Amino acid sequence: MKIKKISLIMTLMMSIMFLSSCSKTETVIYESNEAGQKITIIIEYDKDKNIKKTVSEMELNFEEYGTDKETMVEADKKQTKVYKNMDGAEYESKVTDKKMTQKITIIIDDLSEEMKEKQFKDMMDDKENVKLDKFTPTLEMIGMEKKEK
């Protein structure tokens, strides 16, 4: 009886290890730091290079960027409306007298089909996966650089 119990526990452990290895993701980071605006984009993707999650973090220094608090408060209100009730998205921000910080988290599989199509249309394959190799050239085109680990 003890051997059966040990065997069952071993089988369960192996199954858990197999399932967790199947769902592993890798991460790539892109950064930009120009004119008072620092942006970091963290991309999680699976073994097939399908993007699963993006986290965009931005810090904007008003004086260096050439703007003011009031303008950014209005921009923040608009951003909050965009992300407020969007499935698959979380939006956090903080505005102080000198800077604004934002964090936008997108879980690709939790987005509605409509939003996925709107945001990532040209970056998807025929199975509606957002592909890393179609997403990152856009980041590079706007001047972001891949951060080496």
Foldseek 3Di string as FASTA:
>chain_A
DVVVVVVVVVVVVVVVVVVVVQPDWDWWKKWDDPQQKIKIKIWTAGPQQFTFKIKIKMKGFCVSNVHFQVVVVVVVVVVCVVQVPFFQKDWDWDGDRTMIMIIIMGGQVRGDPVVLCVPQVQQADPVSGRGNVSPVVVVVVVPIDIDDD
